[in-house]
């Protein structure tokens, strides 16, 4: 435990994957129906790096809905 080292914000972002997304990610929430301001189609059109940063209903995610 003595070998712990503090990371600056830039390094921490790169470890967590936060520094690799240069897209302008529009906020959610995304979901089906009129209760959501953005649709599932809009969610699926987002770049992969943005999809992990927005609030989304489970029916929009592949395999989320029960069939």
PDB file of N, CA and C in Angstrom:
ATOM      1  N   UNK A   1       0.818  -1.205   0.000  1.00  0.00           N
ATOM      2  CA  UNK A   1       0.000   0.000   0.000  1.00  0.00           C
ATOM      3  C   UNK A   1       0.858   1.263   0.000  1.00  0.00           C
ATOM      4  N   UNK A   2       2.140   1.138   0.282  1.00  0.00           N
ATOM      5  CA  UNK A   2       2.997   2.319   0.319  1.00  0.00           C
ATOM      6  C   UNK A   2       3.345   2.817  -1.077  1.00  0.00           C
ATOM      7  N   UNK A   3       3.132   2.007  -2.102  1.00  0.00           N
ATOM      8  CA  UNK A   3       3.516   2.379  -3.457  1.00  0.00           C
ATOM      9  C   UNK A   3       2.412   3.110  -4.210  1.00  0.00           C
ATOM     10  N   UNK A   4       1.389   3.572  -3.517  1.00  0.00           N
ATOM     11  CA  UNK A   4       0.319   4.308  -4.188  1.00  0.00           C
ATOM     12  C   UNK A   4       0.827   5.662  -4.653  1.00  0.00           C
ATOM     13  N   UNK A   5       0.361   6.078  -5.813  1.00  0.00           N
ATOM     14  CA  UNK A   5       0.823   7.330  -6.396  1.00  0.00           C
ATOM     15  C   UNK A   5      -0.387   8.128  -6.851  1.00  0.00           C
ATOM     16  N   UNK A   6      -0.384   9.418  -6.593  1.00  0.00           N
ATOM     17  CA  UNK A   6      -1.491  10.262  -7.039  1.00  0.00           C
ATOM     18  C   UNK A   6      -1.399  10.476  -8.545  1.00  0.00           C
ATOM     19  N   UNK A   7      -2.564  10.454  -9.202  1.00  0.00           N
ATOM     20  CA  UNK A   7      -2.630  10.709 -10.639  1.00  0.00           C
ATOM     21  C   UNK A   7      -3.241  12.080 -10.876  1.00  0.00           C
ATOM     22  N   UNK A   8      -2.695  12.808 -11.836  1.00  0.00           N
ATOM     23  CA  UNK A   8      -3.327  14.080 -12.172  1.00  0.00           C
ATOM     24  C   UNK A   8      -4.559  13.815 -13.031  1.00  0.00           C
ATOM     25  N   UNK A   9      -5.375  14.825 -13.251  1.00  0.00           N
ATOM     26  CA  UNK A   9      -6.642  14.649 -13.969  1.00  0.00           C
ATOM     27  C   UNK A   9      -6.449  14.128 -15.390  1.00  0.00           C
ATOM     28  N   UNK A  10      -5.447  14.599 -16.068  1.00  0.00           N
ATOM     29  CA  UNK A  10      -5.202  14.156 -17.442  1.00  0.00           C
ATOM     30  C   UNK A  10      -4.907  12.663 -17.520  1.00  0.00           C
ATOM     31  N   UNK A  11      -4.052  12.189 -16.637  1.00  0.00           N
ATOM     32  CA  UNK A  11      -3.733  10.755 -16.616  1.00  0.00           C
ATOM     33  C   UNK A  11      -4.931   9.931 -16.182  1.00  0.00           C
ATOM     34  N   UNK A  12      -5.696  10.433 -15.218  1.00  0.00           N
ATOM     35  CA  UNK A  12      -6.869   9.703 -14.751  1.00  0.00           C
ATOM     36  C   UNK A  12      -7.903   9.568 -15.864  1.00  0.00           C
ATOM     37  N   UNK A  13      -8.092  10.622 -16.652  1.00  0.00           N
ATOM     38  CA  UNK A  13      -9.025  10.546 -17.778  1.00  0.00           C
ATOM     39  C   UNK A  13      -8.572   9.506 -18.792  1.00  0.00           C
ATOM     40  N   UNK A  14      -7.287   9.448 -19.052  1.00  0.00           N
ATOM     41  CA  UNK A  14      -6.809   8.480 -20.033  1.00  0.00           C
ATOM     42  C   UNK A  14      -6.954   7.049 -19.522  1.00  0.00           C
ATOM     43  N   UNK A  15      -6.827   6.845 -18.228  1.00  0.00           N
ATOM     44  CA  UNK A  15      -7.022   5.513 -17.660  1.00  0.00           C
ATOM     45  C   UNK A  15      -8.484   5.109 -17.773  1.00  0.00           C
ATOM     46  N   UNK A  16      -9.395   6.035 -17.490  1.00  0.00           N
ATOM     47  CA  UNK A  16     -10.822   5.747 -17.524  1.00  0.00           C
ATOM     48  C   UNK A  16     -11.423   5.852 -18.921  1.00  0.00           C
ATOM     49  N   UNK A  17     -10.664   6.251 -19.914  1.00  0.00           N
ATOM     50  CA  UNK A  17     -11.174   6.365 -21.269  1.00  0.00           C
ATOM     51  C   UNK A  17     -11.847   7.693 -21.553  1.00  0.00           C
ATOM     52  N   UNK A  18     -11.748   8.647 -20.662  1.00  0.00           N
ATOM     53  CA  UNK A  18     -12.410   9.927 -20.849  1.00  0.00           C
ATOM     54  C   UNK A  18     -11.716  10.840 -21.838  1.00  0.00           C
ATOM     55  N   UNK A  19     -10.457  10.603 -22.106  1.00  0.00           N
ATOM     56  CA  UNK A  19      -9.708  11.490 -22.985  1.00  0.00           C
ATOM     57  C   UNK A  19      -9.780  11.067 -24.446  1.00  0.00           C
ATOM     58  N   UNK A  20     -10.386   9.934 -24.740  1.00  0.00           N
ATOM     59  CA  UNK A  20     -10.379   9.438 -26.110  1.00  0.00           C
ATOM     60  C   UNK A  20     -11.594   9.884 -26.914  1.00  0.00           C
ATOM     61  N   UNK A  21     -12.595  10.456 -26.289  1.00  0.00           N
ATOM     62  CA  UNK A  21     -13.806  10.871 -26.995  1.00  0.00           C
ATOM     63  C   UNK A  21     -13.748  12.371 -27.262  1.00  0.00           C
ATOM     64  N   UNK A  22     -13.582  12.735 -28.523  1.00  0.00           N
ATOM     65  CA  UNK A  22     -13.514  14.144 -28.894  1.00  0.00           C
ATOM     66  C   UNK A  22     -14.821  14.635 -29.497  1.00  0.00           C
ATOM     67  N   UNK A  23     -15.880  13.864 -29.366  1.00  0.00           N
ATOM     68  CA  UNK A  23     -17.179  14.214 -29.928  1.00  0.00           C
ATOM     69  C   UNK A  23     -17.931  15.142 -28.977  1.00  0.00           C
ATOM     70  N   UNK A  24     -18.848  15.917 -29.531  1.00  0.00           N
ATOM     71  CA  UNK A  24     -19.749  16.726 -28.724  1.00  0.00           C
ATOM     72  C   UNK A  24     -20.975  15.867 -28.450  1.00  0.00           C
ATOM     73  N   UNK A  25     -21.057  15.292 -27.271  1.00  0.00           N
ATOM     74  CA  UNK A  25     -22.115  14.342 -26.939  1.00  0.00           C
ATOM     75  C   UNK A  25     -23.353  15.078 -26.425  1.00  0.00           C
ATOM     76  N   UNK A  26     -24.475  15.008 -27.162  1.00  0.00           N
ATOM     77  CA  UNK A  26     -25.696  15.654 -26.691  1.00  0.00           C
ATOM     78  C   UNK A  26     -26.262  14.902 -25.492  1.00  0.00           C
ATOM     79  N   UNK A  27     -26.797  15.626 -24.516  1.00  0.00           N
ATOM     80  CA  UNK A  27     -27.315  14.965 -23.319  1.00  0.00           C
ATOM     81  C   UNK A  27     -28.581  14.176 -23.617  1.00  0.00           C
ATOM     82  N   UNK A  28     -28.874  13.215 -22.794  1.00  0.00           N
ATOM     83  CA  UNK A  28     -30.096  12.407 -22.925  1.00  0.00           C
ATOM     84  C   UNK A  28     -31.212  13.035 -22.137  1.00  0.00           C
ATOM     85  N   UNK A  29     -32.125  12.284 -21.690  1.00  0.00           N
ATOM     86  CA  UNK A  29     -32.172  10.836 -21.786  1.00  0.00           C
ATOM     87  C   UNK A  29     -32.712  10.373 -23.133  1.00  0.00           C
ATOM     88  N   UNK A  30     -32.325   9.174 -23.501  1.00  0.00           N
ATOM     89  CA  UNK A  30     -32.765   8.555 -24.745  1.00  0.00           C
ATOM     90  C   UNK A  30     -33.678   7.387 -24.397  1.00  0.00           C
ATOM     91  N   UNK A  31     -34.755   7.235 -25.150  1.00  0.00           N
ATOM     92  CA  UNK A  31     -35.659   6.127 -24.881  1.00  0.00           C
ATOM     93  C   UNK A  31     -36.818   6.081 -25.850  1.00  0.00           C
ATOM     94  N   UNK A  32     -37.615   5.007 -25.756  1.00  0.00           N
ATOM     95  CA  UNK A  32     -38.769   4.847 -26.644  1.00  0.00           C
ATOM     96  C   UNK A  32     -39.965   5.646 -26.143  1.00  0.00           C
ATOM     97  N   UNK A  33     -40.764   6.105 -27.060  1.00  0.00           N
ATOM     98  CA  UNK A  33     -42.020   6.750 -26.697  1.00  0.00           C
ATOM     99  C   UNK A  33     -41.905   8.238 -26.428  1.00  0.00           C
ATOM    100  N   UNK A  34     -43.049   8.858 -26.145  1.00  0.00           N
ATOM    101  CA  UNK A  34     -43.105  10.313 -25.977  1.00  0.00           C
ATOM    102  C   UNK A  34     -42.570  10.810 -24.634  1.00  0.00           C
ATOM    103  N   UNK A  35     -42.273   9.914 -23.709  1.00  0.00           N
ATOM    104  CA  UNK A  35     -41.772  10.334 -22.399  1.00  0.00           C
ATOM    105  C   UNK A  35     -40.307  10.755 -22.435  1.00  0.00           C
ATOM    106  N   UNK A  36     -39.627  10.480 -23.523  1.00  0.00           N
ATOM    107  CA  UNK A  36     -38.205  10.787 -23.639  1.00  0.00           C
ATOM    108  C   UNK A  36     -38.004  11.861 -24.702  1.00  0.00           C
ATOM    109  N   UNK A  37     -37.140  12.844 -24.428  1.00  0.00           N
ATOM    110  CA  UNK A  37     -36.907  13.911 -25.410  1.00  0.00           C
ATOM    111  C   UNK A  37     -36.121  13.454 -26.639  1.00  0.00           C
ATOM    112  N   UNK A  38     -35.383  12.357 -26.532  1.00  0.00           N
ATOM    113  CA  UNK A  38     -34.603  11.846 -27.668  1.00  0.00           C
ATOM    114  C   UNK A  38     -34.921  10.368 -27.879  1.00  0.00           C
ATOM    115  N   UNK A  39     -34.905   9.944 -29.129  1.00  0.00           N
ATOM    116  CA  UNK A  39     -35.341   8.587 -29.482  1.00  0.00           C
ATOM    117  C   UNK A  39     -34.194   7.577 -29.390  1.00  0.00           C
ATOM    118  N   UNK A  40     -34.569   6.311 -29.466  1.00  0.00           N
ATOM    119  CA  UNK A  40     -33.570   5.234 -29.507  1.00  0.00           C
ATOM    120  C   UNK A  40     -32.748   5.309 -30.787  1.00  0.00           C
ATOM    121  N   UNK A  41     -33.373   5.734 -31.878  1.00  0.00           N
ATOM    122  CA  UNK A  41     -32.643   5.873 -33.141  1.00  0.00           C
ATOM    123  C   UNK A  41     -31.539   6.919 -33.005  1.00  0.00           C
ATOM    124  N   UNK A  42     -31.848   8.007 -32.293  1.00  0.00           N
ATOM    125  CA  UNK A  42     -30.834   9.040 -32.066  1.00  0.00           C
ATOM    126  C   UNK A  42     -29.693   8.495 -31.205  1.00  0.00           C
ATOM    127  N   UNK A  43     -30.035   7.660 -30.225  1.00  0.00           N
ATOM    128  CA  UNK A  43     -29.002   7.034 -29.384  1.00  0.00           C
ATOM    129  C   UNK A  43     -28.100   6.129 -30.218  1.00  0.00           C
ATOM    130  N   UNK A  44     -28.702   5.317 -31.078  1.00  0.00           N
ATOM    131  CA  UNK A  44     -27.917   4.393 -31.896  1.00  0.00           C
ATOM    132  C   UNK A  44     -27.066   5.118 -32.930  1.00  0.00           C
ATOM    133  N   UNK A  45     -27.415   6.357 -33.261  1.00  0.00           N
ATOM    134  CA  UNK A  45     -26.628   7.145 -34.208  1.00  0.00           C
ATOM    135  C   UNK A  45     -25.431   7.827 -33.541  1.00  0.00           C
ATOM    136  N   UNK A  46     -25.384   7.826 -32.210  1.00  0.00           N
ATOM    137  CA  UNK A  46     -24.268   8.447 -31.497  1.00  0.00           C
ATOM    138  C   UNK A  46     -22.990   7.637 -31.691  1.00  0.00           C
ATOM    139  N   UNK A  47     -21.839   8.304 -31.657  1.00  0.00           N
ATOM    140  CA  UNK A  47     -20.576   7.553 -31.665  1.00  0.00           C
ATOM    141  C   UNK A  47     -20.489   6.673 -30.413  1.00  0.00           C
ATOM    142  N   UNK A  48     -19.759   5.587 -30.504  1.00  0.00           N
ATOM    143  CA  UNK A  48     -19.652   4.639 -29.384  1.00  0.00           C
ATOM    144  C   UNK A  48     -19.141   5.314 -28.116  1.00  0.00           C
ATOM    145  N   UNK A  49     -18.237   6.271 -28.243  1.00  0.00           N
ATOM    146  CA  UNK A  49     -17.703   6.912 -27.041  1.00  0.00           C
ATOM    147  C   UNK A  49     -18.765   7.765 -26.353  1.00  0.00           C
ATOM    148  N   UNK A  50     -19.724   8.286 -27.100  1.00  0.00           N
ATOM    149  CA  UNK A  50     -20.807   9.070 -26.495  1.00  0.00           C
ATOM    150  C   UNK A  50     -21.864   8.170 -25.867  1.00  0.00           C
ATOM    151  N   UNK A  51     -22.065   6.991 -26.436  1.00  0.00           N
ATOM    152  CA  UNK A  51     -23.102   6.103 -25.922  1.00  0.00           C
ATOM    153  C   UNK A  51     -22.838   5.708 -24.478  1.00  0.00           C
ATOM    154  N   UNK A  52     -21.591   5.671 -24.072  1.00  0.00           N
ATOM    155  CA  UNK A  52     -21.274   5.297 -22.694  1.00  0.00           C
ATOM    156  C   UNK A  52     -21.391   6.470 -21.730  1.00  0.00           C
ATOM    157  N   UNK A  53     -21.647   7.676 -22.247  1.00  0.00           N
ATOM    158  CA  UNK A  53     -21.684   8.861 -21.391  1.00  0.00           C
ATOM    159  C   UNK A  53     -23.072   9.450 -21.207  1.00  0.00           C
ATOM    160  N   UNK A  54     -24.093   8.889 -21.838  1.00  0.00           N
ATOM    161  CA  UNK A  54     -25.432   9.473 -21.759  1.00  0.00           C
ATOM    162  C   UNK A  54     -26.394   8.526 -21.050  1.00  0.00           C
ATOM    163  N   UNK A  55     -27.481   9.083 -20.553  1.00  0.00           N
ATOM    164  CA  UNK A  55     -28.529   8.307 -19.900  1.00  0.00           C
ATOM    165  C   UNK A  55     -29.437   7.719 -20.968  1.00  0.00           C
ATOM    166  N   UNK A  56     -29.657   6.406 -20.897  1.00  0.00           N
ATOM    167  CA  UNK A  56     -30.427   5.728 -21.939  1.00  0.00           C
ATOM    168  C   UNK A  56     -31.316   4.663 -21.311  1.00  0.00           C
ATOM    169  N   UNK A  57     -32.504   4.484 -21.880  1.00  0.00           N
ATOM    170  CA  UNK A  57     -33.425   3.432 -21.443  1.00  0.00           C
ATOM    171  C   UNK A  57     -32.890   2.093 -21.925  1.00  0.00           C
ATOM    172  N   UNK A  58     -33.100   1.034 -21.138  1.00  0.00           N
ATOM    173  CA  UNK A  58     -32.530  -0.269 -21.500  1.00  0.00           C
ATOM    174  C   UNK A  58     -33.096  -0.836 -22.796  1.00  0.00           C
ATOM    175  N   UNK A  59     -34.281  -0.393 -23.234  1.00  0.00           N
ATOM    176  CA  UNK A  59     -34.844  -0.886 -24.490  1.00  0.00           C
ATOM    177  C   UNK A  59     -34.078  -0.383 -25.713  1.00  0.00           C
ATOM    178  N   UNK A  60     -33.304   0.679 -25.563  1.00  0.00           N
ATOM    179  CA  UNK A  60     -32.534   1.219 -26.685  1.00  0.00           C
ATOM    180  C   UNK A  60     -31.226   0.468 -26.906  1.00  0.00           C
ATOM    181  N   UNK A  61     -30.744  -0.193 -25.892  1.00  0.00           N
ATOM    182  CA  UNK A  61     -29.462  -0.884 -25.965  1.00  0.00           C
ATOM    183  C   UNK A  61     -29.681  -2.262 -26.569  1.00  0.00           C
ATOM    184  N   UNK A  62     -28.757  -2.712 -27.407  1.00  0.00           N
ATOM    185  CA  UNK A  62     -28.866  -4.043 -28.014  1.00  0.00           C
ATOM    186  C   UNK A  62     -29.008  -5.099 -26.928  1.00  0.00           C
ATOM    187  N   UNK A  63     -30.041  -5.907 -27.039  1.00  0.00           N
ATOM    188  CA  UNK A  63     -30.278  -6.953 -26.061  1.00  0.00           C
ATOM    189  C   UNK A  63     -30.987  -6.476 -24.810  1.00  0.00           C
ATOM    190  N   UNK A  64     -31.365  -5.194 -24.758  1.00  0.00           N
ATOM    191  CA  UNK A  64     -32.002  -4.660 -23.555  1.00  0.00           C
ATOM    192  C   UNK A  64     -33.461  -5.025 -23.420  1.00  0.00           C
ATOM    193  N   UNK A  65     -34.174  -5.079 -24.537  1.00  0.00           N
ATOM    194  CA  UNK A  65     -35.596  -5.402 -24.489  1.00  0.00           C
ATOM    195  C   UNK A  65     -35.830  -6.899 -24.498  1.00  0.00           C
ATOM    196  N   UNK A  66     -36.850  -7.336 -23.825  1.00  0.00           N
ATOM    197  CA  UNK A  66     -37.192  -8.759 -23.820  1.00  0.00           C
ATOM    198  C   UNK A  66     -38.105  -9.052 -24.990  1.00  0.00           C
ATOM    199  N   UNK A  67     -37.770 -10.060 -25.764  1.00  0.00           N
ATOM    200  CA  UNK A  67     -38.581 -10.410 -26.933  1.00  0.00           C
ATOM    201  C   UNK A  67     -39.191 -11.774 -26.771  1.00  0.00           C
TER     202      UNK A  67
END
